[in-house]
Amino acid sequence: MPEPLKNEYNEAFVNKLGDLLAERDESFNLDGFVCSIINDNWEDRELKARMRHITNMVHAHSSLDYPGQLKIMTEVSIHFGGLAGMTFPDYVEVYGLDHLEESMEAMKEMTKYSSSEFAIRPFIVKYERDVMQSMLEWSQNENEHVRRLASEGCRSRLPWAMALPAFKKDPSLILAILENLKADDSLYVRKSVANNINDITKDNPEVALALCKKWYGKSSHTNWIVKHGLRTLLKNGNERALQIIGFDDKARFEVEALQLSVQKVKIGDSFDFKFQVSNLEPKQAFAKVGFVVSYQKANGSLSDKIFHVTEKEFDSVDSTTFNKKLSFRDLTTRKHHPGLHRIGVLVNGKKLAEKDFELY
């Protein structure tokens, strides 16, 4: 069983952090800091609660004002990376909102060793224009972590983060940042740009589609970003998204011989199924192949989930048989319910065949 993420914040981390702070701050109460964290309540604290408690105890056990403590926290941040290193921008988020200039500079430095993507969001809400101007400048920074922050920090739907409702309504301020990063040499940065675009597709699909149409074909980097950025629209068979990346939504395809290994399947088991996709055109045609499962919900209605199979160039009058397996084991993200289910085959977003089966 993997180690819980919350254990990144452990006694060794607390002692190391305390020692480094005490070396630089004569007023820092090291013993009080450690005892206020590693106590009977520590094991009960979950990931975010541990990080926030450490942040608060750093502040509580120093007599320095925010600018003085921030200077030390920035210096110490270089000794920590990953999840543990997010304590430092968390300190900025909690105590630095009234100190825009110093806090922005600190988050830019701290993100080089961990990430300030969560901490910067309250600053965007309070100082939208100023912060987004700084992030636009960061999008051209020599450090890939700073460039990534320029995109990741302003994602409208960043998971586990404070919402940015203004950018869900109008993502215009994000676009210039994405333009600067669309052909970035760093895959780390390009993944963020693609995720940012995918967020935009949820609330402003026309904006995302227009941007991607302009980018596609410019370079291998922009092509990769577009395909990953439009992944939700592509999965759902959006015709404009399919057209942008070269799928021929006008080409004629046929699905034959959709066969299920069983007609009834027990919850927890799986079944095999196969189908044949044929290109009816007298020329090559590019197609995105997938399948959709209509799952029975607790209230008796059906809920669709789309699965990707392949993207394939079909030769003229060409046929390909696909063999797949579908599991009905309960997961933390999906609980199965008995009753009628349905499976359908999708080609370029169009359902060309389907069959019912029963889950019991």
Protein backbone atom coordinates (compact mmCIF):
# COMPACT_ATOMS: atom_id res chain seq x y z
CA MET A 1 0.00 0.00 0.00
CA PRO A 2 1.53 3.38 -0.97
CA GLU A 3 2.56 5.82 1.74
CA PRO A 4 -0.16 8.45 2.40
CA LEU A 5 0.72 11.81 0.85
CA LYS A 6 0.18 13.53 4.18
CA ASN A 7 3.31 11.79 5.45
CA GLU A 8 5.40 14.10 3.30
CA TYR A 9 4.83 16.38 6.29
CA ASN A 10 6.55 14.33 8.96
CA GLU A 11 8.71 14.81 12.04
CA ALA A 12 11.92 14.92 10.00
CA PHE A 13 10.49 17.67 7.77
CA VAL A 14 9.30 19.71 10.78
CA ASN A 15 12.69 19.44 12.50
CA LYS A 16 14.63 20.38 9.37
CA LEU A 17 12.34 23.34 8.68
CA GLY A 18 12.56 24.50 12.30
CA ASP A 19 16.35 24.26 12.35
CA LEU A 20 16.72 26.26 9.13
CA LEU A 21 14.36 28.96 10.36
CA ALA A 22 16.04 29.20 13.77
CA GLU A 23 19.46 29.61 12.13
CA ARG A 24 18.22 32.76 10.39
CA ASP A 25 15.78 34.18 12.95
CA GLU A 26 16.97 34.82 16.52
CA SER A 27 13.40 35.31 17.67
CA PHE A 28 12.23 31.91 16.41
CA ASN A 29 11.06 29.57 19.19
CA LEU A 30 12.31 26.24 17.82
CA ASP A 31 11.19 24.00 20.70
CA GLY A 32 7.77 25.61 20.81
CA PHE A 33 7.42 25.26 17.03
CA VAL A 34 8.20 21.53 17.01
CA CYS A 35 6.05 20.76 20.04
CA SER A 36 3.09 22.68 18.61
CA ILE A 37 3.13 20.44 15.54
CA ILE A 38 4.36 16.98 16.54
CA ASN A 39 1.86 16.22 19.28
CA ASP A 40 -1.16 14.01 19.99
CA ASN A 41 -3.21 15.73 17.26
CA TRP A 42 -0.67 15.28 14.46
CA GLU A 43 -1.72 11.84 13.18
CA ASP A 44 -5.33 12.95 12.86
CA ARG A 45 -4.48 15.85 10.57
CA GLU A 46 -4.88 15.20 6.84
CA LEU A 47 -2.70 16.58 4.06
CA LYS A 48 -3.95 20.15 3.72
CA ALA A 49 -4.56 20.45 7.44
CA ARG A 50 -0.94 19.50 8.14
CA MET A 51 0.42 22.02 5.66
CA ARG A 52 -1.77 24.84 6.95
CA HIS A 53 -0.97 24.03 10.59
CA ILE A 54 2.77 24.18 9.84
CA THR A 55 2.24 27.52 8.08
CA ASN A 56 0.41 28.93 11.06
CA MET A 57 3.00 27.67 13.53
CA VAL A 58 5.85 29.24 11.54
CA HIS A 59 4.07 32.56 11.92
CA ALA A 60 3.17 32.00 15.59
CA HIS A 61 6.70 31.21 16.74
CA SER A 62 8.50 34.19 15.21
CA SER A 63 8.50 37.83 16.28
CA LEU A 64 9.34 39.06 12.78
CA ASP A 65 6.89 41.04 10.68
CA TYR A 66 5.68 39.57 7.38
CA PRO A 67 8.39 41.09 5.12
CA GLY A 68 11.12 39.91 7.49
CA GLN A 69 9.72 36.40 7.82
CA LEU A 70 9.06 36.23 4.07
CA LYS A 71 12.73 36.91 3.30
CA ILE A 72 13.75 33.99 5.48
CA MET A 73 11.03 31.68 4.12
CA THR A 74 12.18 32.44 0.59
CA GLU A 75 15.78 31.64 1.49
CA VAL A 76 14.80 28.38 3.18
CA SER A 77 12.46 27.25 0.38
CA ILE A 78 15.41 26.23 -1.80
CA HIS A 79 16.05 23.30 0.57
CA PHE A 80 12.66 21.67 -0.06
CA GLY A 81 10.89 20.41 -3.16
CA GLY A 82 7.69 18.73 -4.25
CA LEU A 83 4.70 18.60 -1.96
CA ALA A 84 6.66 19.48 1.18
CA GLY A 85 7.92 22.62 -0.53
CA MET A 86 4.39 23.92 -0.97
CA THR A 87 4.48 25.01 2.67
CA PHE A 88 6.36 28.13 1.59
CA PRO A 89 3.89 29.54 -0.95
CA ASP A 90 1.14 28.52 1.49
CA TYR A 91 2.72 30.92 3.99
CA VAL A 92 2.52 33.65 1.34
CA GLU A 93 -1.12 32.82 0.62
CA VAL A 94 -2.13 33.03 4.29
CA TYR A 95 -0.13 36.05 5.45
CA GLY A 96 0.92 37.99 2.37
CA LEU A 97 -2.26 39.12 0.65
CA ASP A 98 -1.77 42.75 1.72
CA HIS A 99 1.82 42.79 0.44
CA LEU A 100 1.38 42.31 -3.30
CA GLU A 101 4.82 43.19 -4.64
CA GLU A 102 6.86 41.24 -2.07
CA SER A 103 4.50 38.26 -2.21
CA MET A 104 4.55 38.02 -6.00
CA GLU A 105 8.34 38.05 -6.07
CA ALA A 106 8.47 35.39 -3.35
CA MET A 107 6.00 33.09 -5.13
CA LYS A 108 8.02 33.41 -8.34
CA GLU A 109 11.13 32.23 -6.50
CA MET A 110 9.41 29.53 -4.43
CA THR A 111 7.75 27.93 -7.45
CA LYS A 112 11.17 27.01 -8.84
CA TYR A 113 11.47 24.34 -6.14
CA SER A 114 7.84 23.33 -5.64
CA SER A 115 4.77 25.15 -6.98
CA SER A 116 2.89 28.36 -6.17
CA GLU A 117 -0.11 27.39 -8.31
CA PHE A 118 -2.56 27.30 -5.38
CA ALA A 119 -1.13 30.20 -3.41
CA ILE A 120 -1.34 32.71 -6.24
CA ARG A 121 -5.07 32.38 -6.78
CA PRO A 122 -6.28 34.64 -3.93
CA PHE A 123 -3.94 37.29 -5.35
CA ILE A 124 -5.57 36.91 -8.78
CA VAL A 125 -8.99 37.41 -7.19
CA LYS A 126 -7.91 40.53 -5.28
CA TYR A 127 -5.49 42.11 -7.79
CA GLU A 128 -6.61 40.58 -11.08
CA ARG A 129 -5.06 42.99 -13.61
CA ASP A 130 -1.78 43.49 -11.75
CA VAL A 131 -1.22 39.81 -11.10
CA MET A 132 -2.13 38.74 -14.62
CA GLN A 133 0.28 41.33 -16.02
CA SER A 134 3.04 39.83 -13.88
CA MET A 135 2.08 36.33 -15.00
CA LEU A 136 2.22 37.45 -18.62
CA GLU A 137 5.80 38.56 -17.98
CA TRP A 138 6.52 35.25 -16.22
CA SER A 139 5.37 33.37 -19.32
CA GLN A 140 8.63 34.53 -20.94
CA ASN A 141 10.86 33.76 -17.96
CA GLU A 142 13.97 31.62 -18.53
CA ASN A 143 12.89 29.16 -15.79
CA GLU A 144 10.37 26.53 -16.89
CA HIS A 145 8.79 26.37 -13.44
CA VAL A 146 8.02 30.08 -13.53
CA ARG A 147 6.62 29.76 -17.07
CA ARG A 148 4.44 26.86 -15.98
CA LEU A 149 3.12 28.88 -13.04
CA ALA A 150 2.01 31.57 -15.49
CA SER A 151 -0.39 29.05 -17.02
CA GLU A 152 -1.17 26.68 -14.16
CA GLY A 153 -1.89 29.43 -11.65
CA CYS A 154 -4.66 30.98 -13.73
CA ARG A 155 -6.45 27.80 -14.83
CA SER A 156 -10.17 28.42 -14.40
CA ARG A 157 -10.80 24.92 -13.05
CA LEU A 158 -7.55 23.93 -11.36
CA PRO A 159 -8.36 20.81 -9.26
CA TRP A 160 -8.31 21.19 -5.46
CA ALA A 161 -7.78 24.94 -5.81
CA MET A 162 -9.71 28.13 -5.14
CA ALA A 163 -12.16 28.81 -7.98
CA LEU A 164 -11.63 31.69 -10.40
CA PRO A 165 -15.24 32.45 -11.43
CA ALA A 166 -14.22 35.55 -13.40
CA PHE A 167 -12.12 33.39 -15.74
CA LYS A 168 -14.90 30.83 -16.10
CA LYS A 169 -17.06 33.68 -17.34
CA ASP A 170 -14.39 35.35 -19.51
CA PRO A 171 -10.94 33.77 -20.06
CA SER A 172 -9.63 36.67 -22.17
CA LEU A 173 -6.82 37.59 -19.76
CA ILE A 174 -5.46 34.05 -19.96
CA LEU A 175 -5.10 33.93 -23.74
CA ALA A 176 -2.02 36.14 -24.12
CA ILE A 177 -0.19 33.94 -21.60
CA LEU A 178 -1.11 30.81 -23.55
CA GLU A 179 0.02 32.45 -26.79
CA ASN A 180 3.48 32.97 -25.29
CA LEU A 181 3.65 29.33 -24.17
CA LYS A 182 2.06 27.53 -27.12
CA ALA A 183 5.38 26.24 -28.51
CA ASP A 184 7.33 26.04 -25.26
CA ASP A 185 10.28 23.65 -25.32
CA SER A 186 9.29 22.19 -21.95
CA LEU A 187 6.73 19.36 -21.90
CA TYR A 188 6.04 20.34 -18.27
CA VAL A 189 4.87 23.74 -19.51
CA ARG A 190 3.01 22.40 -22.54
CA LYS A 191 1.01 20.02 -20.33
CA SER A 192 -0.15 23.01 -18.28
CA VAL A 193 -1.15 24.93 -21.41
CA ALA A 194 -3.15 21.93 -22.65
CA ASN A 195 -4.86 21.56 -19.27
CA ASN A 196 -5.65 25.27 -19.24
CA ILE A 197 -7.30 24.98 -22.66
CA ASN A 198 -9.24 21.91 -21.54
CA ASP A 199 -10.55 23.97 -18.60
CA ILE A 200 -11.65 26.70 -21.01
CA THR A 201 -13.55 24.17 -23.15
CA LYS A 202 -15.82 23.44 -20.16
CA ASP A 203 -17.19 27.01 -19.97
CA ASN A 204 -16.17 28.74 -23.21
CA PRO A 205 -15.77 26.08 -25.91
CA GLU A 206 -15.96 28.60 -28.76
CA VAL A 207 -12.98 30.51 -27.34
CA ALA A 208 -10.91 27.33 -27.02
CA LEU A 209 -11.87 26.10 -30.49
CA ALA A 210 -10.94 29.42 -32.13
CA LEU A 211 -7.57 29.43 -30.38
CA CYS A 212 -6.82 25.81 -31.31
CA LYS A 213 -7.83 26.28 -34.93
CA LYS A 214 -5.29 29.11 -35.16
CA TRP A 215 -2.55 27.01 -33.55
CA TYR A 216 -2.99 23.62 -35.17
CA GLY A 217 -0.44 22.88 -37.87
CA LYS A 218 2.06 25.49 -36.69
CA SER A 219 4.46 23.01 -35.05
CA SER A 220 4.60 19.59 -33.42
CA HIS A 221 4.41 21.32 -30.02
CA THR A 222 1.26 23.27 -30.85
CA ASN A 223 -0.31 20.17 -32.40
CA TRP A 224 0.32 18.21 -29.20
CA ILE A 225 -1.16 20.99 -27.07
CA VAL A 226 -4.26 21.27 -29.26
CA LYS A 227 -4.98 17.53 -29.21
CA HIS A 228 -4.62 17.36 -25.43
CA GLY A 229 -6.35 20.65 -24.83
CA LEU A 230 -9.40 19.60 -26.85
CA ARG A 231 -9.50 16.10 -25.35
CA THR A 232 -12.87 16.54 -23.63
CA LEU A 233 -14.51 17.93 -26.76
CA LEU A 234 -12.90 15.22 -28.89
CA LYS A 235 -14.05 12.51 -26.51
CA ASN A 236 -17.58 13.88 -26.71
CA GLY A 237 -17.47 13.94 -30.52
CA ASN A 238 -17.50 17.71 -31.01
CA GLU A 239 -17.48 18.17 -34.79
CA ARG A 240 -15.40 21.35 -34.82
CA ALA A 241 -12.77 19.81 -32.56
CA LEU A 242 -12.59 16.74 -34.78
CA GLN A 243 -12.22 18.89 -37.87
CA ILE A 244 -9.42 20.97 -36.35
CA ILE A 245 -7.15 17.99 -35.81
CA GLY A 246 -7.92 16.38 -39.15
CA PHE A 247 -10.65 13.85 -38.53
CA ASP A 248 -12.93 13.66 -41.53
CA ASP A 249 -16.37 13.93 -39.98
CA LYS A 250 -17.94 13.75 -43.44
CA ALA A 251 -16.29 10.41 -44.30
CA ARG A 252 -18.59 7.40 -44.33
CA PHE A 253 -17.80 4.64 -41.86
CA GLU A 254 -19.73 1.56 -40.86
CA VAL A 255 -19.59 -0.58 -37.73
CA GLU A 256 -20.43 -4.23 -38.16
CA ALA A 257 -20.40 -7.36 -36.05
CA LEU A 258 -20.68 -5.76 -32.61
CA GLN A 259 -20.61 -8.89 -30.48
CA LEU A 260 -20.70 -9.27 -26.69
CA SER A 261 -19.32 -12.46 -25.11
CA VAL A 262 -22.32 -12.57 -22.73
CA GLN A 263 -25.69 -10.85 -22.51
CA LYS A 264 -25.74 -10.89 -18.71
CA VAL A 265 -22.78 -10.06 -16.49
CA LYS A 266 -22.39 -10.09 -12.71
CA ILE A 267 -21.22 -6.99 -10.83
CA GLY A 268 -17.52 -7.49 -10.21
CA ASP A 269 -17.00 -9.54 -13.38
CA SER A 270 -16.07 -8.47 -16.91
CA PHE A 271 -16.91 -9.40 -20.48
CA ASP A 272 -15.19 -9.29 -23.86
CA PHE A 273 -16.64 -7.61 -26.90
CA LYS A 274 -15.52 -6.96 -30.45
CA PHE A 275 -16.58 -4.90 -33.42
CA GLN A 276 -15.45 -4.12 -36.95
CA VAL A 277 -15.02 -0.60 -38.34
CA SER A 278 -15.08 -0.19 -42.11
CA ASN A 279 -14.18 2.81 -44.24
CA LEU A 280 -16.73 3.07 -47.05
CA GLU A 281 -14.87 5.86 -48.85
CA PRO A 282 -12.80 5.24 -52.02
CA LYS A 283 -9.92 7.11 -50.32
CA GLN A 284 -8.04 7.13 -47.03
CA ALA A 285 -9.92 8.59 -44.06
CA PHE A 286 -8.70 9.46 -40.56
CA ALA A 287 -11.01 8.34 -37.76
CA LYS A 288 -11.24 8.49 -33.99
CA VAL A 289 -12.69 5.23 -32.66
CA GLY A 290 -14.16 4.76 -29.22
CA PHE A 291 -17.08 3.28 -27.36
CA VAL A 292 -19.66 4.59 -24.95
CA VAL A 293 -21.15 2.68 -22.03
CA SER A 294 -24.53 3.76 -20.68
CA TYR A 295 -24.38 2.80 -17.01
CA GLN A 296 -27.45 2.27 -14.85
CA LYS A 297 -27.67 4.82 -12.04
CA ALA A 298 -29.25 4.28 -8.63
CA ASN A 299 -32.33 6.27 -9.71
CA GLY A 300 -32.90 4.09 -12.78
CA SER A 301 -31.60 6.54 -15.39
CA LEU A 302 -28.59 5.91 -17.64
CA SER A 303 -25.31 7.82 -17.50
CA ASP A 304 -22.85 7.74 -20.42
CA LYS A 305 -19.10 7.29 -20.12
CA ILE A 306 -16.96 7.48 -23.25
CA PHE A 307 -13.81 5.38 -23.72
CA HIS A 308 -11.07 6.05 -26.27
CA VAL A 309 -9.88 3.15 -28.46
CA THR A 310 -7.65 4.55 -31.20
CA GLU A 311 -6.98 7.21 -33.79
CA LYS A 312 -6.35 5.51 -37.10
CA GLU A 313 -5.86 6.21 -40.78
CA PHE A 314 -8.13 3.79 -42.63
CA ASP A 315 -7.20 2.86 -46.18
CA SER A 316 -9.85 3.04 -48.87
CA VAL A 317 -12.54 0.39 -48.38
CA ASP A 318 -10.62 -0.81 -45.31
CA SER A 319 -11.89 -2.77 -42.30
CA THR A 320 -10.35 -3.30 -38.86
CA THR A 321 -11.60 -5.55 -36.05
CA PHE A 322 -11.19 -4.39 -32.46
CA ASN A 323 -11.25 -6.70 -29.42
CA LYS A 324 -11.88 -5.10 -26.03
CA LYS A 325 -12.66 -6.04 -22.42
CA LEU A 326 -14.96 -4.18 -20.04
CA SER A 327 -14.79 -4.59 -16.25
CA PHE A 328 -17.66 -4.04 -13.83
CA ARG A 329 -15.59 -4.08 -10.65
CA ASP A 330 -16.69 -1.33 -8.26
CA LEU A 331 -14.22 1.53 -7.92
CA THR A 332 -13.99 4.54 -5.65
CA THR A 333 -15.04 6.63 -8.66
CA ARG A 334 -17.85 4.37 -9.85
CA LYS A 335 -20.33 2.08 -8.13
CA HIS A 336 -22.23 -0.27 -10.41
CA HIS A 337 -25.98 -0.87 -10.18
CA PRO A 338 -27.97 -3.81 -11.54
CA GLY A 339 -30.24 -3.40 -14.52
CA LEU A 340 -30.20 -2.59 -18.21
CA HIS A 341 -26.96 -1.20 -19.64
CA ARG A 342 -25.96 -0.29 -23.18
CA ILE A 343 -22.73 -0.21 -25.15
CA GLY A 344 -22.22 1.71 -28.38
CA VAL A 345 -19.37 2.13 -30.86
CA LEU A 346 -18.31 5.66 -31.78
CA VAL A 347 -16.51 6.71 -34.95
CA ASN A 348 -15.65 10.42 -35.14
CA GLY A 349 -18.12 11.06 -32.36
CA LYS A 350 -21.03 9.33 -34.08
CA LYS A 351 -22.66 6.24 -32.60
CA LEU A 352 -22.80 3.68 -35.42
CA ALA A 353 -23.85 0.55 -33.49
CA GLU A 354 -25.12 -0.36 -30.04
CA LYS A 355 -26.34 -3.30 -27.99
CA ASP A 356 -28.04 -3.75 -24.63
CA PHE A 357 -26.87 -6.06 -21.85
CA GLU A 358 -27.93 -6.74 -18.27
CA LEU A 359 -25.85 -6.29 -15.12
CA TYR A 360 -26.92 -8.24 -12.04
